[in-house]
PDB file of N, CA and C in Angstrom:
ATOM      1  N   UNK A   1       0.687  -1.130  -0.056  1.00  0.00           N
ATOM      2  CA  UNK A   1      -0.393  -0.053  -0.343  1.00  0.00           C
ATOM      3  C   UNK A   1       0.705   1.654   0.178  1.00  0.00           C
ATOM      4  N   UNK A   2       0.232   2.187  -1.145  1.00  0.00           N
ATOM      5  CA  UNK A   2       1.490   3.309  -1.017  1.00  0.00           C
ATOM      6  C   UNK A   2       1.207   4.602   0.222  1.00  0.00           C
ATOM      7  N   UNK A   3       2.062   5.875   0.139  1.00  0.00           N
ATOM      8  CA  UNK A   3       1.968   6.255   1.099  1.00  0.00           C
ATOM      9  C   UNK A   3       0.402   7.121   0.612  1.00  0.00           C
ATOM     10  N   UNK A   4      -0.367   7.485  -0.452  1.00  0.00           N
ATOM     11  CA  UNK A   4      -0.956   8.573  -0.821  1.00  0.00           C
ATOM     12  C   UNK A   4      -2.733   7.692  -0.095  1.00  0.00           C
ATOM     13  N   UNK A   5      -2.536   6.319  -0.565  1.00  0.00           N
ATOM     14  CA  UNK A   5      -3.897   5.458  -0.527  1.00  0.00           C
ATOM     15  C   UNK A   5      -4.216   5.095   1.369  1.00  0.00           C
ATOM     16  N   UNK A   6      -2.688   5.560   2.064  1.00  0.00           N
ATOM     17  CA  UNK A   6      -3.393   5.436   3.246  1.00  0.00           C
ATOM     18  C   UNK A   6      -3.366   6.431   4.172  1.00  0.00           C
ATOM     19  N   UNK A   7      -3.114   7.852   2.960  1.00  0.00           N
ATOM     20  CA  UNK A   7      -3.827   9.318   3.778  1.00  0.00           C
ATOM     21  C   UNK A   7      -4.960   9.438   3.499  1.00  0.00           C
ATOM     22  N   UNK A   8      -5.203   8.238   2.048  1.00  0.00           N
ATOM     23  CA  UNK A   8      -6.771   9.191   1.886  1.00  0.00           C
ATOM     24  C   UNK A   8      -7.449   7.810   2.798  1.00  0.00           C
ATOM     25  N   UNK A   9      -7.263   6.993   3.377  1.00  0.00           N
ATOM     26  CA  UNK A   9      -7.966   6.026   3.786  1.00  0.00           C
ATOM     27  C   UNK A   9      -8.099   6.711   5.222  1.00  0.00           C
ATOM     28  N   UNK A  10      -7.201   7.152   5.951  1.00  0.00           N
ATOM     29  CA  UNK A  10      -7.159   8.223   7.146  1.00  0.00           C
ATOM     30  C   UNK A  10      -8.082   9.168   6.825  1.00  0.00           C
ATOM     31  N   UNK A  11      -8.234   9.725   5.723  1.00  0.00           N
ATOM     32  CA  UNK A  11      -8.925  11.072   5.777  1.00  0.00           C
ATOM     33  C   UNK A  11     -10.444  10.630   5.790  1.00  0.00           C
ATOM     34  N   UNK A  12     -10.818   9.654   4.782  1.00  0.00           N
ATOM     35  CA  UNK A  12     -12.215   8.796   5.069  1.00  0.00           C
ATOM     36  C   UNK A  12     -12.731   8.536   6.042  1.00  0.00           C
ATOM     37  N   UNK A  13     -11.658   7.760   6.740  1.00  0.00           N
ATOM     38  CA  UNK A  13     -11.816   7.433   8.515  1.00  0.00           C
ATOM     39  C   UNK A  13     -12.484   8.624   9.007  1.00  0.00           C
ATOM     40  N   UNK A  14     -11.109  10.048   9.379  1.00  0.00           N
ATOM     41  CA  UNK A  14     -11.496  10.988   9.892  1.00  0.00           C
ATOM     42  C   UNK A  14     -12.591  11.795   9.483  1.00  0.00           C
ATOM     43  N   UNK A  15     -12.605  12.489   8.540  1.00  0.00           N
ATOM     44  CA  UNK A  15     -13.741  12.772   7.467  1.00  0.00           C
ATOM     45  C   UNK A  15     -15.073  12.551   8.018  1.00  0.00           C
ATOM     46  N   UNK A  16     -15.342  10.719   7.645  1.00  0.00           N
ATOM     47  CA  UNK A  16     -16.844  10.865   7.627  1.00  0.00           C
ATOM     48  C   UNK A  16     -16.904   9.741   8.976  1.00  0.00           C
ATOM     49  N   UNK A  17     -16.350  10.295   9.874  1.00  0.00           N
ATOM     50  CA  UNK A  17     -16.242   9.394  11.476  1.00  0.00           C
ATOM     51  C   UNK A  17     -16.371   8.338  11.527  1.00  0.00           C
ATOM     52  N   UNK A  18     -15.943   7.366  10.998  1.00  0.00           N
ATOM     53  CA  UNK A  18     -16.192   6.347  10.460  1.00  0.00           C
ATOM     54  C   UNK A  18     -15.024   5.206  11.948  1.00  0.00           C
ATOM     55  N   UNK A  19     -15.871   5.655  13.233  1.00  0.00           N
ATOM     56  CA  UNK A  19     -15.095   5.292  14.286  1.00  0.00           C
ATOM     57  C   UNK A  19     -14.462   3.779  14.446  1.00  0.00           C
ATOM     58  N   UNK A  20     -15.308   3.024  13.727  1.00  0.00           N
ATOM     59  CA  UNK A  20     -15.507   1.630  13.764  1.00  0.00           C
ATOM     60  C   UNK A  20     -14.856   0.432  13.138  1.00  0.00           C
ATOM     61  N   UNK A  21     -13.751   1.748  11.852  1.00  0.00           N
ATOM     62  CA  UNK A  21     -12.929   1.007  10.606  1.00  0.00           C
ATOM     63  C   UNK A  21     -11.844   1.713  11.159  1.00  0.00           C
ATOM     64  N   UNK A  22     -10.932   0.866  10.698  1.00  0.00           N
ATOM     65  CA  UNK A  22      -8.963   1.256  10.764  1.00  0.00           C
ATOM     66  C   UNK A  22      -8.475   1.473   9.648  1.00  0.00           C
ATOM     67  N   UNK A  23      -7.908   1.525   9.178  1.00  0.00           N
ATOM     68  CA  UNK A  23      -7.153   2.075   7.944  1.00  0.00           C
ATOM     69  C   UNK A  23      -7.155   0.509   6.745  1.00  0.00           C
ATOM     70  N   UNK A  24      -6.627  -0.723   8.150  1.00  0.00           N
ATOM     71  CA  UNK A  24      -6.895  -2.196   7.330  1.00  0.00           C
ATOM     72  C   UNK A  24      -8.267  -2.113   7.608  1.00  0.00           C
ATOM     73  N   UNK A  25      -9.101  -2.092   7.184  1.00  0.00           N
ATOM     74  CA  UNK A  25     -10.494  -2.560   7.022  1.00  0.00           C
ATOM     75  C   UNK A  25     -10.719  -2.041   5.292  1.00  0.00           C
ATOM     76  N   UNK A  26      -9.593  -1.039   5.305  1.00  0.00           N
ATOM     77  CA  UNK A  26     -10.040  -0.312   3.686  1.00  0.00           C
ATOM     78  C   UNK A  26      -9.423  -1.141   2.985  1.00  0.00           C
ATOM     79  N   UNK A  27     -10.259  -1.753   2.019  1.00  0.00           N
ATOM     80  CA  UNK A  27      -9.600  -2.251   0.840  1.00  0.00           C
ATOM     81  C   UNK A  27      -9.113  -1.610  -0.174  1.00  0.00           C
ATOM     82  N   UNK A  28      -8.015  -1.300  -1.013  1.00  0.00           N
ATOM     83  CA  UNK A  28      -7.764  -0.168  -1.978  1.00  0.00           C
ATOM     84  C   UNK A  28      -8.475   0.069  -2.832  1.00  0.00           C
ATOM     85  N   UNK A  29      -8.900  -1.360  -3.194  1.00  0.00           N
ATOM     86  CA  UNK A  29      -9.251  -2.009  -4.608  1.00  0.00           C
ATOM     87  C   UNK A  29     -10.734  -1.956  -4.581  1.00  0.00           C
ATOM     88  N   UNK A  30     -10.981  -2.002  -3.482  1.00  0.00           N
ATOM     89  CA  UNK A  30     -13.090  -2.501  -3.014  1.00  0.00           C
ATOM     90  C   UNK A  30     -13.706  -1.308  -3.275  1.00  0.00           C
ATOM     91  N   UNK A  31     -14.900  -1.019  -3.904  1.00  0.00           N
ATOM     92  CA  UNK A  31     -15.598  -0.134  -4.431  1.00  0.00           C
ATOM     93  C   UNK A  31     -16.260   0.524  -2.688  1.00  0.00           C
ATOM     94  N   UNK A  32     -15.845   2.027  -3.164  1.00  0.00           N
ATOM     95  CA  UNK A  32     -16.560   2.940  -1.403  1.00  0.00           C
ATOM     96  C   UNK A  32     -17.625   3.016  -1.645  1.00  0.00           C
ATOM     97  N   UNK A  33     -18.871   3.068  -2.488  1.00  0.00           N
ATOM     98  CA  UNK A  33     -20.197   3.281  -2.198  1.00  0.00           C
ATOM     99  C   UNK A  33     -20.899   2.107  -2.437  1.00  0.00           C
ATOM    100  N   UNK A  34     -22.218   2.284  -2.046  1.00  0.00           N
ATOM    101  CA  UNK A  34     -23.480   0.938  -2.006  1.00  0.00           C
ATOM    102  C   UNK A  34     -22.517   0.028  -1.912  1.00  0.00           C
ATOM    103  N   UNK A  35     -22.053  -0.964  -2.809  1.00  0.00           N
ATOM    104  CA  UNK A  35     -21.452  -2.403  -2.349  1.00  0.00           C
ATOM    105  C   UNK A  35     -19.720  -2.180  -1.440  1.00  0.00           C
ATOM    106  N   UNK A  36     -19.366  -3.030  -1.087  1.00  0.00           N
ATOM    107  CA  UNK A  36     -17.729  -2.376  -0.582  1.00  0.00           C
ATOM    108  C   UNK A  36     -17.910  -1.792   0.730  1.00  0.00           C
ATOM    109  N   UNK A  37     -17.414  -0.318   1.259  1.00  0.00           N
ATOM    110  CA  UNK A  37     -17.516   0.326   1.807  1.00  0.00           C
ATOM    111  C   UNK A  37     -19.276   0.924   2.347  1.00  0.00           C
ATOM    112  N   UNK A  38     -19.636   1.400   1.727  1.00  0.00           N
ATOM    113  CA  UNK A  38     -21.347   1.677   1.993  1.00  0.00           C
ATOM    114  C   UNK A  38     -21.139   3.202   1.746  1.00  0.00           C
ATOM    115  N   UNK A  39     -20.807   4.013   0.960  1.00  0.00           N
ATOM    116  CA  UNK A  39     -20.423   5.045   1.552  1.00  0.00           C
ATOM    117  C   UNK A  39     -21.756   5.417   0.373  1.00  0.00           C
ATOM    118  N   UNK A  40     -22.449   6.821   0.780  1.00  0.00           N
ATOM    119  CA  UNK A  40     -23.499   7.169  -0.034  1.00  0.00           C
ATOM    120  C   UNK A  40     -23.515   8.861  -0.334  1.00  0.00           C
ATOM    121  N   UNK A  41     -23.896   9.813  -0.820  1.00  0.00           N
ATOM    122  CA  UNK A  41     -23.659  10.603  -2.340  1.00  0.00           C
ATOM    123  C   UNK A  41     -23.341  12.065  -0.599  1.00  0.00           C
ATOM    124  N   UNK A  42     -24.095  11.395   0.319  1.00  0.00           N
ATOM    125  CA  UNK A  42     -23.474  12.959   1.414  1.00  0.00           C
ATOM    126  C   UNK A  42     -22.011  12.687   1.417  1.00  0.00           C
ATOM    127  N   UNK A  43     -22.192  11.275   1.884  1.00  0.00           N
ATOM    128  CA  UNK A  43     -20.278  11.155   2.327  1.00  0.00           C
ATOM    129  C   UNK A  43     -19.772  11.539   1.090  1.00  0.00           C
ATOM    130  N   UNK A  44     -19.924  11.026  -0.240  1.00  0.00           N
ATOM    131  CA  UNK A  44     -19.210  12.147  -1.558  1.00  0.00           C
ATOM    132  C   UNK A  44     -18.598  12.594  -1.384  1.00  0.00           C
ATOM    133  N   UNK A  45     -19.624  13.470  -1.182  1.00  0.00           N
ATOM    134  CA  UNK A  45     -19.527  15.160  -1.051  1.00  0.00           C
ATOM    135  C   UNK A  45     -18.987  15.729  -0.246  1.00  0.00           C
ATOM    136  N   UNK A  46     -19.136  14.979   1.022  1.00  0.00           N
ATOM    137  CA  UNK A  46     -17.630  15.266   2.163  1.00  0.00           C
ATOM    138  C   UNK A  46     -16.725  15.311   2.136  1.00  0.00           C
ATOM    139  N   UNK A  47     -16.574  14.526   1.094  1.00  0.00           N
ATOM    140  CA  UNK A  47     -15.112  13.361   1.076  1.00  0.00           C
ATOM    141  C   UNK A  47     -14.599  14.275   0.314  1.00  0.00           C
ATOM    142  N   UNK A  48     -15.062  14.734  -1.348  1.00  0.00           N
ATOM    143  CA  UNK A  48     -14.679  15.326  -2.103  1.00  0.00           C
ATOM    144  C   UNK A  48     -14.255  16.866  -1.654  1.00  0.00           C
ATOM    145  N   UNK A  49     -14.953  17.837  -0.851  1.00  0.00           N
ATOM    146  CA  UNK A  49     -14.678  18.723   0.015  1.00  0.00           C
ATOM    147  C   UNK A  49     -13.056  18.717   1.160  1.00  0.00           C
ATOM    148  N   UNK A  50     -13.135  17.683   1.762  1.00  0.00           N
ATOM    149  CA  UNK A  50     -11.765  17.189   2.293  1.00  0.00           C
ATOM    150  C   UNK A  50     -10.126  17.337   1.285  1.00  0.00           C
ATOM    151  N   UNK A  51     -10.940  16.034   0.276  1.00  0.00           N
ATOM    152  CA  UNK A  51      -9.621  15.600  -0.491  1.00  0.00           C
ATOM    153  C   UNK A  51      -9.313  17.111  -1.208  1.00  0.00           C
ATOM    154  N   UNK A  52     -10.213  18.237  -1.849  1.00  0.00           N
ATOM    155  CA  UNK A  52      -9.775  19.682  -2.397  1.00  0.00           C
ATOM    156  C   UNK A  52      -9.035  20.795  -1.353  1.00  0.00           C
ATOM    157  N   UNK A  53      -9.606  20.265  -0.095  1.00  0.00           N
ATOM    158  CA  UNK A  53      -8.741  21.034   0.671  1.00  0.00           C
ATOM    159  C   UNK A  53      -7.231  20.536   1.313  1.00  0.00           C
ATOM    160  N   UNK A  54      -7.225  19.578   1.236  1.00  0.00           N
ATOM    161  CA  UNK A  54      -5.926  18.234   1.729  1.00  0.00           C
ATOM    162  C   UNK A  54      -5.203  18.335   0.985  1.00  0.00           C
ATOM    163  N   UNK A  55      -5.861  18.276  -0.700  1.00  0.00           N
ATOM    164  CA  UNK A  55      -4.889  18.167  -1.713  1.00  0.00           C
ATOM    165  C   UNK A  55      -4.104  19.472  -2.729  1.00  0.00           C
ATOM    166  N   UNK A  56      -5.680  20.208  -2.331  1.00  0.00           N
ATOM    167  CA  UNK A  56      -5.392  21.636  -3.303  1.00  0.00           C
ATOM    168  C   UNK A  56      -5.378  20.829  -4.321  1.00  0.00           C
ATOM    169  N   UNK A  57      -6.950  20.643  -4.559  1.00  0.00           N
ATOM    170  CA  UNK A  57      -6.655  19.546  -5.973  1.00  0.00           C
ATOM    171  C   UNK A  57      -8.182  20.400  -6.518  1.00  0.00           C
ATOM    172  N   UNK A  58      -9.303  20.200  -7.884  1.00  0.00           N
ATOM    173  CA  UNK A  58     -10.327  20.855  -8.102  1.00  0.00           C
ATOM    174  C   UNK A  58     -10.735  19.348  -8.431  1.00  0.00           C
ATOM    175  N   UNK A  59     -12.595  19.130  -7.947  1.00  0.00           N
ATOM    176  CA  UNK A  59     -12.957  18.374  -8.076  1.00  0.00           C
ATOM    177  C   UNK A  59     -14.334  19.064  -9.116  1.00  0.00           C
ATOM    178  N   UNK A  60     -14.184  18.516 -10.393  1.00  0.00           N
ATOM    179  CA  UNK A  60     -15.395  18.894 -10.760  1.00  0.00           C
ATOM    180  C   UNK A  60     -16.787  18.386 -11.324  1.00  0.00           C
ATOM    181  N   UNK A  61     -17.714  18.448 -10.373  1.00  0.00           N
ATOM    182  CA  UNK A  61     -18.753  17.334 -10.348  1.00  0.00           C
ATOM    183  C   UNK A  61     -20.078  17.319 -11.321  1.00  0.00           C
ATOM    184  N   UNK A  62     -19.356  18.106 -12.381  1.00  0.00           N
ATOM    185  CA  UNK A  62     -20.235  17.322 -13.404  1.00  0.00           C
ATOM    186  C   UNK A  62     -19.507  17.040 -14.212  1.00  0.00           C
ATOM    187  N   UNK A  63     -18.581  16.284 -14.039  1.00  0.00           N
ATOM    188  CA  UNK A  63     -17.225  15.954 -15.038  1.00  0.00           C
ATOM    189  C   UNK A  63     -18.106  14.458 -14.921  1.00  0.00           C
ATOM    190  N   UNK A  64     -18.159  13.779 -15.945  1.00  0.00           N
ATOM    191  CA  UNK A  64     -18.723  12.246 -15.776  1.00  0.00           C
ATOM    192  C   UNK A  64     -18.031  10.966 -15.726  1.00  0.00           C
ATOM    193  N   UNK A  65     -16.442  12.033 -15.470  1.00  0.00           N
ATOM    194  CA  UNK A  65     -15.411  10.499 -15.165  1.00  0.00           C
ATOM    195  C   UNK A  65     -15.572  10.248 -13.730  1.00  0.00           C
ATOM    196  N   UNK A  66     -15.765  11.262 -12.701  1.00  0.00           N
ATOM    197  CA  UNK A  66     -15.611  11.591 -11.311  1.00  0.00           C
ATOM    198  C   UNK A  66     -16.123  10.579 -10.675  1.00  0.00           C
ATOM    199  N   UNK A  67     -17.358   9.620 -11.100  1.00  0.00           N
ATOM    200  CA  UNK A  67     -17.740   8.557 -10.655  1.00  0.00           C
ATOM    201  C   UNK A  67     -16.737   7.312 -10.546  1.00  0.00           C
ATOM    202  N   UNK A  68     -15.944   7.054 -11.500  1.00  0.00           N
ATOM    203  CA  UNK A  68     -14.259   6.891 -12.211  1.00  0.00           C
ATOM    204  C   UNK A  68     -13.680   6.888 -11.158  1.00  0.00           C
ATOM    205  N   UNK A  69     -13.338   7.920 -10.781  1.00  0.00           N
ATOM    206  CA  UNK A  69     -11.964   8.337  -9.580  1.00  0.00           C
ATOM    207  C   UNK A  69     -12.439   8.241  -8.726  1.00  0.00           C
ATOM    208  N   UNK A  70     -14.039   8.098  -8.061  1.00  0.00           N
ATOM    209  CA  UNK A  70     -14.313   7.780  -6.877  1.00  0.00           C
ATOM    210  C   UNK A  70     -14.881   6.786  -6.661  1.00  0.00           C
ATOM    211  N   UNK A  71     -14.014   5.662  -7.063  1.00  0.00           N
ATOM    212  CA  UNK A  71     -15.216   4.256  -6.957  1.00  0.00           C
ATOM    213  C   UNK A  71     -14.010   3.493  -6.418  1.00  0.00           C
ATOM    214  N   UNK A  72     -12.927   3.539  -6.005  1.00  0.00           N
ATOM    215  CA  UNK A  72     -12.297   3.390  -5.275  1.00  0.00           C
ATOM    216  C   UNK A  72     -10.938   3.875  -4.391  1.00  0.00           C
ATOM    217  N   UNK A  73     -10.360   3.441  -2.990  1.00  0.00           N
ATOM    218  CA  UNK A  73      -9.106   4.230  -2.806  1.00  0.00           C
ATOM    219  C   UNK A  73      -8.226   4.282  -3.923  1.00  0.00           C
ATOM    220  N   UNK A  74      -7.740   3.234  -4.402  1.00  0.00           N
ATOM    221  CA  UNK A  74      -6.646   3.107  -5.672  1.00  0.00           C
ATOM    222  C   UNK A  74      -6.966   4.349  -6.598  1.00  0.00           C
ATOM    223  N   UNK A  75      -8.306   4.084  -7.002  1.00  0.00           N
ATOM    224  CA  UNK A  75      -9.203   4.947  -7.739  1.00  0.00           C
ATOM    225  C   UNK A  75      -8.728   6.920  -7.600  1.00  0.00           C
ATOM    226  N   UNK A  76      -8.987   7.069  -6.362  1.00  0.00           N
ATOM    227  CA  UNK A  76      -8.860   7.858  -5.548  1.00  0.00           C
ATOM    228  C   UNK A  76      -7.795   8.784  -5.716  1.00  0.00           C
ATOM    229  N   UNK A  77      -6.725   7.376  -5.532  1.00  0.00           N
ATOM    230  CA  UNK A  77      -5.229   8.267  -5.236  1.00  0.00           C
ATOM    231  C   UNK A  77      -4.835   8.168  -6.752  1.00  0.00           C
ATOM    232  N   UNK A  78      -5.273   7.289  -7.796  1.00  0.00           N
ATOM    233  CA  UNK A  78      -4.454   7.994  -8.568  1.00  0.00           C
ATOM    234  C   UNK A  78      -4.961   9.141  -9.921  1.00  0.00           C
ATOM    235  N   UNK A  79      -6.228   9.604  -9.072  1.00  0.00           N
ATOM    236  CA  UNK A  79      -6.980  10.821  -9.735  1.00  0.00           C
ATOM    237  C   UNK A  79      -5.666  11.808  -8.523  1.00  0.00           C
ATOM    238  N   UNK A  80      -5.599  11.947  -7.329  1.00  0.00           N
ATOM    239  CA  UNK A  80      -5.128  13.017  -6.893  1.00  0.00           C
ATOM    240  C   UNK A  80      -3.453  13.004  -7.380  1.00  0.00           C
ATOM    241  N   UNK A  81      -3.223  12.158  -7.378  1.00  0.00           N
ATOM    242  CA  UNK A  81      -1.424  12.210  -8.476  1.00  0.00           C
ATOM    243  C   UNK A  81      -1.589  12.971  -9.269  1.00  0.00           C
ATOM    244  N   UNK A  82      -2.356  12.686  -9.973  1.00  0.00           N
ATOM    245  CA  UNK A  82      -2.727  13.017 -11.711  1.00  0.00           C
ATOM    246  C   UNK A  82      -2.494  14.665 -11.328  1.00  0.00           C
ATOM    247  N   UNK A  83      -3.429  15.454 -10.432  1.00  0.00           N
ATOM    248  CA  UNK A  83      -3.831  16.548 -10.260  1.00  0.00           C
ATOM    249  C   UNK A  83      -2.047  17.220 -10.075  1.00  0.00           C
ATOM    250  N   UNK A  84      -0.980  16.503  -9.217  1.00  0.00           N
ATOM    251  CA  UNK A  84      -0.197  17.270  -9.434  1.00  0.00           C
ATOM    252  C   UNK A  84       1.087  17.223 -10.201  1.00  0.00           C
TER     253      UNK A  84
END
């Protein structure tokens, strides 16, 4: 697991108050929404805001690709690293 994925996992846990989940409980390739971690659209909005602040990136909600980027921790890590 790379450092960026670990940081994103910790951001997910902290920003969404997932107290019963540890970094090791989140599979980097597992779906974050519905199946997998079971996050919802409100969680996506909160996570998007946190990612923008933490990594100083822009997330375009209208972008059709955004669902693909938010699919998993690994996809988010690739998206964030490609923004710099």
